[in-house]
């Protein structure tokens, strides 16, 4: 629950010194707040980095009509033709009911299609349509470009090290 302050008290506490008023909100927060403890936490830093990447990703993927999870689903289908919904759920840690609507939406947009699975007659494999292949290739090229932009202060080796270290945290094997 957020404690409410009366307006004069809140305004007084939110007022910044004149020099800080021209600073960006992030810069002003760093000038006035002690975040040293939070900055020692992997979760805090990972979340801040993710927000920075997603903040660039969302507007760049808007012309493609893709959210991060849609992009991930299309990418997995593109690189694993015939993948099943169960495999997608496992790979992306998505609950099956959440994937069902997404698959229907991608089908309605003519980006993916279901085909009979060659080895499991109970399952259906997911494949990109021609339109889906074109959109996915353009979206992946844009994603690569924006990732390089977002990580421009890292060397290529640092970027690879960061990816390797993050994978050590979330991969279970």
N, C-alpha and C. Protein backbone atom coordinates (compact mmCIF):
# COMPACT_ATOMS: atom_id res chain seq x y z
N UNK A 1 0.84 -1.17 0.00
CA UNK A 1 0.00 0.00 0.00
C UNK A 1 0.89 1.24 0.00
N UNK A 2 0.53 2.23 -0.77
CA UNK A 2 1.30 3.46 -0.84
C UNK A 2 0.72 4.45 0.15
N UNK A 3 1.59 4.97 0.98
CA UNK A 3 1.13 5.97 1.95
C UNK A 3 0.89 7.28 1.22
N UNK A 4 -0.20 7.93 1.53
CA UNK A 4 -0.53 9.20 0.89
C UNK A 4 -0.07 10.34 1.79
N UNK A 5 0.50 11.35 1.17
CA UNK A 5 0.92 12.55 1.91
C UNK A 5 0.01 13.68 1.50
N UNK A 6 -0.10 14.66 2.39
CA UNK A 6 -0.88 15.82 1.96
C UNK A 6 -0.08 16.54 0.88
N UNK A 7 -0.76 17.30 0.03
CA UNK A 7 -0.13 17.88 -1.15
C UNK A 7 1.07 18.76 -0.83
N UNK A 8 1.00 19.67 0.16
CA UNK A 8 2.19 20.51 0.41
C UNK A 8 3.40 19.70 0.83
N UNK A 9 3.21 18.66 1.66
CA UNK A 9 4.33 17.83 2.10
C UNK A 9 4.90 17.06 0.91
N UNK A 10 4.03 16.48 0.10
CA UNK A 10 4.48 15.71 -1.07
C UNK A 10 5.24 16.61 -2.04
N UNK A 11 4.70 17.80 -2.29
CA UNK A 11 5.36 18.72 -3.21
C UNK A 11 6.73 19.12 -2.70
N UNK A 12 6.85 19.36 -1.39
CA UNK A 12 8.13 19.76 -0.80
C UNK A 12 9.14 18.62 -0.94
N UNK A 13 8.71 17.37 -0.71
CA UNK A 13 9.63 16.25 -0.80
C UNK A 13 10.01 15.93 -2.24
N UNK A 14 9.12 16.23 -3.19
CA UNK A 14 9.41 15.93 -4.58
C UNK A 14 10.19 17.03 -5.28
N UNK A 15 10.24 18.22 -4.65
CA UNK A 15 10.96 19.33 -5.25
C UNK A 15 12.44 19.01 -5.34
N UNK A 16 13.02 19.29 -6.50
CA UNK A 16 14.45 19.05 -6.70
C UNK A 16 15.19 20.38 -6.66
N UNK A 17 16.47 20.35 -6.33
CA UNK A 17 17.26 21.57 -6.43
C UNK A 17 17.28 22.04 -7.88
N UNK A 18 17.47 23.33 -8.10
CA UNK A 18 17.42 23.90 -9.46
C UNK A 18 18.33 23.16 -10.44
N UNK A 19 19.52 22.83 -10.08
CA UNK A 19 20.45 22.17 -11.00
C UNK A 19 19.92 20.82 -11.46
N UNK A 20 19.23 20.12 -10.59
CA UNK A 20 18.74 18.79 -10.93
C UNK A 20 17.49 18.84 -11.80
N UNK A 21 16.80 19.96 -11.85
CA UNK A 21 15.55 20.05 -12.62
C UNK A 21 15.78 19.85 -14.11
N UNK A 22 16.94 20.17 -14.61
CA UNK A 22 17.22 20.00 -16.03
C UNK A 22 17.76 18.61 -16.35
N UNK A 23 18.12 17.87 -15.33
CA UNK A 23 18.67 16.53 -15.55
C UNK A 23 17.55 15.57 -15.94
N UNK A 24 17.93 14.48 -16.57
CA UNK A 24 16.95 13.45 -16.90
C UNK A 24 16.46 12.82 -15.60
N UNK A 25 15.27 12.21 -15.61
CA UNK A 25 14.77 11.58 -14.39
C UNK A 25 15.74 10.55 -13.82
N UNK A 26 16.36 9.74 -14.69
CA UNK A 26 17.30 8.73 -14.20
C UNK A 26 18.51 9.38 -13.56
N UNK A 27 19.04 10.43 -14.20
CA UNK A 27 20.20 11.14 -13.64
C UNK A 27 19.84 11.80 -12.33
N UNK A 28 18.65 12.41 -12.27
CA UNK A 28 18.22 13.07 -11.03
C UNK A 28 18.07 12.05 -9.91
N UNK A 29 17.53 10.88 -10.23
CA UNK A 29 17.35 9.85 -9.21
C UNK A 29 18.70 9.39 -8.68
N UNK A 30 19.68 9.25 -9.57
CA UNK A 30 21.00 8.81 -9.13
C UNK A 30 21.69 9.88 -8.29
N UNK A 31 21.40 11.15 -8.56
CA UNK A 31 22.00 12.22 -7.78
C UNK A 31 21.45 12.25 -6.37
N UNK A 32 20.19 11.88 -6.19
CA UNK A 32 19.55 12.04 -4.90
C UNK A 32 19.31 10.74 -4.14
N UNK A 33 19.42 9.62 -4.80
CA UNK A 33 19.13 8.35 -4.14
C UNK A 33 20.37 7.48 -4.05
N UNK A 34 20.48 6.78 -2.94
CA UNK A 34 21.58 5.84 -2.76
C UNK A 34 21.12 4.47 -3.25
N UNK A 35 21.60 4.07 -4.41
CA UNK A 35 21.21 2.79 -5.00
C UNK A 35 22.35 1.77 -4.93
N UNK A 36 23.36 2.07 -4.12
CA UNK A 36 24.54 1.19 -4.10
C UNK A 36 24.20 -0.25 -3.75
N UNK A 37 23.32 -0.46 -2.77
CA UNK A 37 22.98 -1.84 -2.41
C UNK A 37 22.28 -2.54 -3.58
N UNK A 38 21.27 -1.89 -4.15
CA UNK A 38 20.54 -2.50 -5.27
C UNK A 38 21.48 -2.85 -6.42
N UNK A 39 22.45 -2.00 -6.65
CA UNK A 39 23.39 -2.23 -7.75
C UNK A 39 24.31 -3.42 -7.52
N UNK A 40 24.31 -3.98 -6.32
CA UNK A 40 25.08 -5.20 -6.05
C UNK A 40 24.27 -6.46 -6.35
N UNK A 41 22.98 -6.30 -6.67
CA UNK A 41 22.10 -7.45 -6.89
C UNK A 41 21.99 -7.80 -8.37
N UNK A 42 22.17 -9.06 -8.69
CA UNK A 42 22.06 -9.52 -10.07
C UNK A 42 20.67 -9.23 -10.61
N UNK A 43 19.64 -9.53 -9.84
CA UNK A 43 18.27 -9.32 -10.29
C UNK A 43 17.98 -7.88 -10.64
N UNK A 44 18.43 -6.97 -9.81
CA UNK A 44 18.22 -5.54 -10.06
C UNK A 44 18.89 -5.12 -11.36
N UNK A 45 20.15 -5.50 -11.52
CA UNK A 45 20.89 -5.13 -12.72
C UNK A 45 20.33 -5.81 -13.97
N UNK A 46 19.93 -7.07 -13.85
CA UNK A 46 19.35 -7.78 -14.99
C UNK A 46 18.04 -7.12 -15.41
N UNK A 47 17.23 -6.75 -14.44
CA UNK A 47 15.95 -6.10 -14.73
C UNK A 47 16.17 -4.74 -15.38
N UNK A 48 17.10 -3.96 -14.86
CA UNK A 48 17.37 -2.64 -15.44
C UNK A 48 17.87 -2.79 -16.88
N UNK A 49 18.74 -3.76 -17.12
CA UNK A 49 19.24 -4.00 -18.48
C UNK A 49 18.09 -4.46 -19.38
N UNK A 50 17.24 -5.35 -18.87
CA UNK A 50 16.11 -5.84 -19.67
C UNK A 50 15.17 -4.69 -20.02
N UNK A 51 14.92 -3.80 -19.08
CA UNK A 51 14.05 -2.66 -19.35
C UNK A 51 14.65 -1.75 -20.43
N UNK A 52 15.96 -1.58 -20.40
CA UNK A 52 16.63 -0.76 -21.42
C UNK A 52 16.47 -1.39 -22.80
N UNK A 53 16.65 -2.70 -22.88
CA UNK A 53 16.53 -3.40 -24.17
C UNK A 53 15.09 -3.39 -24.64
N UNK A 54 14.16 -3.71 -23.75
CA UNK A 54 12.75 -3.76 -24.12
C UNK A 54 12.24 -2.37 -24.51
N UNK A 55 12.76 -1.33 -23.86
CA UNK A 55 12.37 0.03 -24.20
C UNK A 55 12.72 0.39 -25.63
N UNK A 56 13.74 -0.21 -26.18
CA UNK A 56 14.12 0.01 -27.57
C UNK A 56 13.39 -1.00 -28.47
N UNK A 57 13.25 -2.23 -27.98
CA UNK A 57 12.65 -3.30 -28.75
C UNK A 57 11.19 -3.00 -29.12
N UNK A 58 10.39 -2.57 -28.16
CA UNK A 58 8.96 -2.38 -28.40
C UNK A 58 8.66 -1.43 -29.56
N UNK A 59 9.21 -0.23 -29.57
CA UNK A 59 8.89 0.65 -30.71
C UNK A 59 9.46 0.16 -32.04
N UNK A 60 10.61 -0.52 -31.99
CA UNK A 60 11.21 -1.02 -33.24
C UNK A 60 10.43 -2.19 -33.81
N UNK A 61 9.78 -2.98 -32.96
CA UNK A 61 9.01 -4.13 -33.43
C UNK A 61 7.55 -3.80 -33.69
N UNK A 62 7.12 -2.60 -33.28
CA UNK A 62 5.73 -2.20 -33.50
C UNK A 62 5.33 -2.26 -34.98
N UNK A 63 6.18 -1.83 -35.92
CA UNK A 63 5.77 -1.94 -37.33
C UNK A 63 5.53 -3.39 -37.78
N UNK A 64 6.15 -4.33 -37.10
CA UNK A 64 5.95 -5.75 -37.42
C UNK A 64 4.76 -6.33 -36.66
N UNK A 65 4.23 -5.57 -35.71
CA UNK A 65 3.12 -6.05 -34.89
C UNK A 65 3.54 -7.16 -33.94
N UNK A 66 4.79 -7.09 -33.46
CA UNK A 66 5.32 -8.15 -32.62
C UNK A 66 5.69 -7.64 -31.23
N UNK A 67 5.22 -8.37 -30.24
CA UNK A 67 5.68 -8.17 -28.86
C UNK A 67 6.88 -9.10 -28.66
N UNK A 68 7.63 -8.93 -27.58
CA UNK A 68 8.79 -9.81 -27.36
C UNK A 68 8.44 -11.29 -27.41
N UNK A 69 7.34 -11.69 -26.81
CA UNK A 69 7.00 -13.11 -26.80
C UNK A 69 6.60 -13.60 -28.19
N UNK A 70 5.89 -12.77 -28.96
CA UNK A 70 5.55 -13.14 -30.34
C UNK A 70 6.82 -13.34 -31.17
N UNK A 71 7.74 -12.40 -31.00
CA UNK A 71 9.02 -12.48 -31.71
C UNK A 71 9.73 -13.78 -31.36
N UNK A 72 9.76 -14.12 -30.08
CA UNK A 72 10.43 -15.35 -29.63
C UNK A 72 9.77 -16.59 -30.22
N UNK A 73 8.44 -16.61 -30.24
CA UNK A 73 7.71 -17.74 -30.80
C UNK A 73 8.03 -17.88 -32.28
N UNK A 74 7.96 -16.79 -33.03
CA UNK A 74 8.26 -16.86 -34.46
C UNK A 74 9.70 -17.32 -34.71
N UNK A 75 10.61 -16.81 -33.91
CA UNK A 75 12.01 -17.19 -34.08
C UNK A 75 12.20 -18.68 -33.83
N UNK A 76 11.59 -19.20 -32.77
CA UNK A 76 11.73 -20.63 -32.49
C UNK A 76 11.10 -21.48 -33.60
N UNK A 77 9.96 -21.06 -34.11
CA UNK A 77 9.33 -21.81 -35.20
C UNK A 77 10.21 -21.75 -36.45
N UNK A 78 10.77 -20.58 -36.73
CA UNK A 78 11.63 -20.42 -37.92
C UNK A 78 12.85 -21.33 -37.84
N UNK A 79 13.44 -21.40 -36.67
CA UNK A 79 14.68 -22.17 -36.52
C UNK A 79 14.44 -23.63 -36.16
N UNK A 80 13.18 -23.97 -35.91
CA UNK A 80 12.80 -25.34 -35.56
C UNK A 80 11.48 -25.70 -36.22
N UNK A 81 11.45 -25.76 -37.55
CA UNK A 81 10.19 -26.06 -38.24
C UNK A 81 9.58 -27.36 -37.72
N UNK A 82 8.28 -27.31 -37.46
CA UNK A 82 7.59 -28.48 -36.94
C UNK A 82 7.56 -28.55 -35.43
N UNK A 83 8.10 -27.54 -34.75
CA UNK A 83 8.09 -27.51 -33.29
C UNK A 83 6.64 -27.60 -32.80
N UNK A 84 6.44 -28.25 -31.68
CA UNK A 84 5.09 -28.38 -31.13
C UNK A 84 4.84 -27.29 -30.10
N UNK A 85 3.58 -27.08 -29.81
CA UNK A 85 3.20 -26.11 -28.78
C UNK A 85 3.83 -26.48 -27.44
N UNK A 86 3.87 -27.76 -27.14
CA UNK A 86 4.47 -28.20 -25.88
C UNK A 86 5.94 -27.81 -25.81
N UNK A 87 6.64 -27.98 -26.92
CA UNK A 87 8.06 -27.60 -26.95
C UNK A 87 8.23 -26.09 -26.81
N UNK A 88 7.35 -25.32 -27.45
CA UNK A 88 7.40 -23.86 -27.30
C UNK A 88 7.20 -23.45 -25.85
N UNK A 89 6.20 -24.04 -25.22
CA UNK A 89 5.92 -23.72 -23.81
C UNK A 89 7.14 -24.00 -22.94
N UNK A 90 7.76 -25.13 -23.16
CA UNK A 90 8.94 -25.50 -22.36
C UNK A 90 10.11 -24.57 -22.63
N UNK A 91 10.34 -24.24 -23.89
CA UNK A 91 11.49 -23.40 -24.24
C UNK A 91 11.35 -21.97 -23.73
N UNK A 92 10.13 -21.45 -23.72
CA UNK A 92 9.91 -20.05 -23.35
C UNK A 92 9.27 -19.88 -21.97
N UNK A 93 9.05 -21.00 -21.29
CA UNK A 93 8.43 -20.97 -19.96
C UNK A 93 7.08 -20.25 -20.01
N UNK A 94 6.26 -20.66 -20.97
CA UNK A 94 4.92 -20.11 -21.16
C UNK A 94 3.91 -21.16 -20.75
N UNK A 95 2.85 -20.74 -20.10
CA UNK A 95 1.77 -21.67 -19.76
C UNK A 95 0.97 -21.97 -21.03
N UNK A 96 0.58 -23.24 -21.21
CA UNK A 96 -0.17 -23.61 -22.43
C UNK A 96 -1.38 -22.73 -22.73
N UNK A 97 -2.22 -22.38 -21.74
CA UNK A 97 -3.37 -21.53 -22.09
C UNK A 97 -2.95 -20.17 -22.67
N UNK A 98 -1.82 -19.66 -22.23
CA UNK A 98 -1.35 -18.38 -22.75
C UNK A 98 -0.84 -18.50 -24.19
N UNK A 99 -0.32 -19.66 -24.54
CA UNK A 99 0.21 -19.86 -25.88
C UNK A 99 -0.92 -20.06 -26.90
N UNK A 100 -2.02 -20.66 -26.47
CA UNK A 100 -3.12 -20.97 -27.40
C UNK A 100 -3.60 -19.72 -28.12
N UNK A 101 -3.87 -18.65 -27.39
CA UNK A 101 -4.35 -17.41 -28.00
C UNK A 101 -3.31 -16.79 -28.92
N UNK A 102 -2.05 -16.88 -28.50
CA UNK A 102 -0.97 -16.34 -29.31
C UNK A 102 -0.86 -17.09 -30.64
N UNK A 103 -0.95 -18.40 -30.60
CA UNK A 103 -0.88 -19.22 -31.82
C UNK A 103 -2.05 -18.87 -32.74
N UNK A 104 -3.25 -18.74 -32.17
CA UNK A 104 -4.42 -18.37 -32.98
C UNK A 104 -4.22 -17.02 -33.64
N UNK A 105 -3.69 -16.07 -32.89
CA UNK A 105 -3.45 -14.73 -33.43
C UNK A 105 -2.43 -14.77 -34.56
N UNK A 106 -1.35 -15.52 -34.39
CA UNK A 106 -0.33 -15.63 -35.43
C UNK A 106 -0.87 -16.34 -36.66
N UNK A 107 -1.77 -17.31 -36.45
CA UNK A 107 -2.42 -17.99 -37.58
C UNK A 107 -3.33 -17.03 -38.34
N UNK A 108 -4.11 -16.23 -37.62
CA UNK A 108 -5.01 -15.27 -38.26
C UNK A 108 -4.24 -14.24 -39.08
N UNK A 109 -3.03 -13.94 -38.65
CA UNK A 109 -2.20 -12.98 -39.38
C UNK A 109 -1.45 -13.66 -40.54
N UNK A 110 -1.71 -14.95 -40.74
CA UNK A 110 -1.07 -15.73 -41.81
C UNK A 110 0.46 -15.76 -41.65
N UNK A 111 0.91 -15.86 -40.40
CA UNK A 111 2.35 -15.95 -40.13
C UNK A 111 2.78 -17.39 -39.88
N UNK A 112 1.88 -18.18 -39.31
CA UNK A 112 2.21 -19.59 -39.03
C UNK A 112 1.05 -20.47 -39.47
N UNK A 113 1.37 -21.75 -39.61
CA UNK A 113 0.35 -22.75 -39.92
C UNK A 113 0.68 -24.03 -39.18
N UNK A 114 -0.36 -24.79 -38.90
CA UNK A 114 -0.20 -26.10 -38.25
C UNK A 114 -0.21 -27.17 -39.33
N UNK A 115 0.67 -28.14 -39.13
CA UNK A 115 0.71 -29.30 -40.02
C UNK A 115 0.80 -30.56 -39.15
N UNK A 116 0.37 -31.65 -39.74
CA UNK A 116 0.45 -32.92 -39.02
C UNK A 116 1.90 -33.20 -38.65
N UNK A 117 2.12 -33.62 -37.42
CA UNK A 117 3.47 -33.94 -36.95
C UNK A 117 3.87 -35.29 -37.55
N UNK A 118 5.08 -35.40 -38.09
CA UNK A 118 5.47 -36.64 -38.78
C UNK A 118 5.58 -37.87 -37.88
N UNK A 119 5.92 -37.68 -36.61
CA UNK A 119 6.13 -38.86 -35.75
C UNK A 119 5.08 -39.01 -34.65
N UNK A 120 4.33 -37.94 -34.35
CA UNK A 120 3.33 -38.00 -33.29
C UNK A 120 1.99 -37.54 -33.88
N UNK A 121 1.12 -38.50 -34.16
CA UNK A 121 -0.15 -38.19 -34.81
C UNK A 121 -1.07 -37.36 -33.92
N UNK A 122 -0.81 -37.31 -32.62
CA UNK A 122 -1.63 -36.51 -31.71
C UNK A 122 -1.20 -35.05 -31.72
N UNK A 123 -0.01 -34.77 -32.16
CA UNK A 123 0.54 -33.41 -32.11
C UNK A 123 0.50 -32.77 -33.50
N UNK A 124 0.57 -31.45 -33.47
CA UNK A 124 0.67 -30.69 -34.71
C UNK A 124 1.95 -29.89 -34.67
N UNK A 125 2.66 -29.90 -35.79
CA UNK A 125 3.87 -29.11 -35.88
C UNK A 125 3.54 -27.71 -36.38
N UNK A 126 4.29 -26.75 -35.90
CA UNK A 126 4.09 -25.36 -36.30
C UNK A 126 5.15 -24.95 -37.31
N UNK A 127 4.72 -24.26 -38.35
CA UNK A 127 5.60 -23.84 -39.43
C UNK A 127 5.27 -22.40 -39.79
N UNK A 128 6.28 -21.68 -40.25
CA UNK A 128 6.04 -20.33 -40.76
C UNK A 128 5.46 -20.42 -42.17
N UNK A 129 4.55 -19.54 -42.47
CA UNK A 129 4.07 -19.40 -43.85
C UNK A 129 5.12 -18.59 -44.60
N UNK A 130 4.94 -18.43 -45.89
CA UNK A 130 5.87 -17.59 -46.67
C UNK A 130 5.88 -16.17 -46.11
N UNK A 131 4.70 -15.66 -45.81
CA UNK A 131 4.59 -14.31 -45.22
C UNK A 131 5.29 -14.27 -43.86
N UNK A 132 5.11 -15.32 -43.07
CA UNK A 132 5.75 -15.41 -41.76
C UNK A 132 7.27 -15.44 -41.87
N UNK A 133 7.77 -16.16 -42.87
CA UNK A 133 9.23 -16.22 -43.07
C UNK A 133 9.80 -14.85 -43.40
N UNK A 134 9.10 -14.12 -44.26
CA UNK A 134 9.57 -12.78 -44.63
C UNK A 134 9.55 -11.84 -43.42
N UNK A 135 8.43 -11.84 -42.69
CA UNK A 135 8.32 -10.96 -41.53
C UNK A 135 9.34 -11.33 -40.47
N UNK A 136 9.50 -12.61 -40.22
CA UNK A 136 10.44 -13.08 -39.20
C UNK A 136 11.87 -12.71 -39.56
N UNK A 137 12.25 -12.84 -40.82
CA UNK A 137 13.61 -12.50 -41.25
C UNK A 137 13.86 -11.00 -41.07
N UNK A 138 12.89 -10.17 -41.43
CA UNK A 138 13.03 -8.73 -41.24
C UNK A 138 13.09 -8.36 -39.76
N UNK A 139 12.25 -9.01 -38.96
CA UNK A 139 12.22 -8.72 -37.52
C UNK A 139 13.52 -9.16 -36.85
N UNK A 140 14.06 -10.31 -37.26
CA UNK A 140 15.33 -10.76 -36.67
C UNK A 140 16.47 -9.83 -37.05
N UNK A 141 16.47 -9.35 -38.28
CA UNK A 141 17.51 -8.40 -38.69
C UNK A 141 17.42 -7.12 -37.86
N UNK A 142 16.21 -6.64 -37.64
CA UNK A 142 16.00 -5.43 -36.83
C UNK A 142 16.40 -5.69 -35.38
N UNK A 143 16.07 -6.86 -34.85
CA UNK A 143 16.43 -7.20 -33.47
C UNK A 143 17.94 -7.25 -33.29
N UNK A 144 18.64 -7.81 -34.25
CA UNK A 144 20.10 -7.86 -34.19
C UNK A 144 20.67 -6.45 -34.19
N UNK A 145 20.13 -5.61 -35.06
CA UNK A 145 20.58 -4.22 -35.15
C UNK A 145 20.35 -3.47 -33.83
N UNK A 146 19.17 -3.60 -33.26
CA UNK A 146 18.88 -2.87 -32.03
C UNK A 146 19.66 -3.41 -30.84
N UNK A 147 19.92 -4.71 -30.81
CA UNK A 147 20.75 -5.27 -29.74
C UNK A 147 22.16 -4.70 -29.79
N UNK A 148 22.69 -4.58 -31.00
CA UNK A 148 24.02 -3.99 -31.15
C UNK A 148 24.02 -2.52 -30.72
N UNK A 149 22.95 -1.81 -31.04
CA UNK A 149 22.84 -0.41 -30.62
C UNK A 149 22.77 -0.29 -29.10
N UNK A 150 21.94 -1.13 -28.49
CA UNK A 150 21.75 -1.07 -27.04
C UNK A 150 23.03 -1.45 -26.29
N UNK A 151 23.81 -2.34 -26.87
CA UNK A 151 25.03 -2.82 -26.20
C UNK A 151 26.29 -2.18 -26.78
N UNK A 152 26.14 -1.03 -27.41
CA UNK A 152 27.28 -0.40 -28.09
C UNK A 152 28.43 -0.05 -27.16
N UNK A 153 28.18 0.10 -25.87
CA UNK A 153 29.28 0.41 -24.94
C UNK A 153 30.06 -0.83 -24.53
N UNK A 154 29.61 -2.00 -25.00
CA UNK A 154 30.32 -3.24 -24.72
C UNK A 154 31.14 -3.64 -25.94
N UNK A 155 32.27 -4.25 -25.68
CA UNK A 155 33.01 -4.85 -26.80
C UNK A 155 32.28 -6.13 -27.20
N UNK A 156 32.62 -6.66 -28.34
CA UNK A 156 32.00 -7.92 -28.78
C UNK A 156 32.27 -9.03 -27.77
N UNK A 157 33.47 -9.05 -27.23
CA UNK A 157 33.82 -10.08 -26.23
C UNK A 157 33.01 -9.88 -24.94
N UNK A 158 32.84 -8.63 -24.52
CA UNK A 158 32.05 -8.36 -23.31
C UNK A 158 30.59 -8.75 -23.52
N UNK A 159 30.09 -8.47 -24.70
CA UNK A 159 28.70 -8.83 -25.00
C UNK A 159 28.51 -10.35 -24.93
N UNK A 160 29.43 -11.10 -25.53
CA UNK A 160 29.35 -12.56 -25.48
C UNK A 160 29.50 -13.08 -24.05
N UNK A 161 30.38 -12.46 -23.28
CA UNK A 161 30.55 -12.86 -21.87
C UNK A 161 29.27 -12.60 -21.09
N UNK A 162 28.65 -11.44 -21.31
CA UNK A 162 27.40 -11.12 -20.63
C UNK A 162 26.33 -12.15 -20.96
N UNK A 163 26.18 -12.48 -22.22
CA UNK A 163 25.20 -13.48 -22.62
C UNK A 163 25.51 -14.83 -21.97
N UNK A 164 26.77 -15.23 -21.99
CA UNK A 164 27.16 -16.52 -21.40
C UNK A 164 26.85 -16.54 -19.90
N UNK A 165 27.15 -15.45 -19.19
CA UNK A 165 26.91 -15.40 -17.75
C UNK A 165 25.41 -15.39 -17.43
N UNK A 166 24.64 -14.66 -18.19
CA UNK A 166 23.19 -14.64 -17.96
C UNK A 166 22.59 -16.01 -18.20
N UNK A 167 23.06 -16.70 -19.22
CA UNK A 167 22.57 -18.06 -19.51
C UNK A 167 22.87 -19.01 -18.36
N UNK A 168 24.00 -18.81 -17.70
CA UNK A 168 24.35 -19.66 -16.55
C UNK A 168 23.32 -19.51 -15.42
N UNK A 169 22.68 -18.37 -15.35
CA UNK A 169 21.69 -18.12 -14.31
C UNK A 169 20.36 -18.79 -14.64
N UNK A 170 19.90 -18.67 -15.88
CA UNK A 170 18.55 -19.18 -16.17
C UNK A 170 18.50 -20.57 -16.77
N UNK A 171 19.59 -21.09 -17.30
CA UNK A 171 19.56 -22.46 -17.80
C UNK A 171 19.74 -23.44 -16.66
N UNK A 172 18.95 -24.48 -16.68
CA UNK A 172 18.96 -25.44 -15.58
C UNK A 172 19.98 -26.55 -15.77
N UNK A 173 20.58 -26.64 -16.96
CA UNK A 173 21.56 -27.70 -17.20
C UNK A 173 22.95 -27.16 -17.25
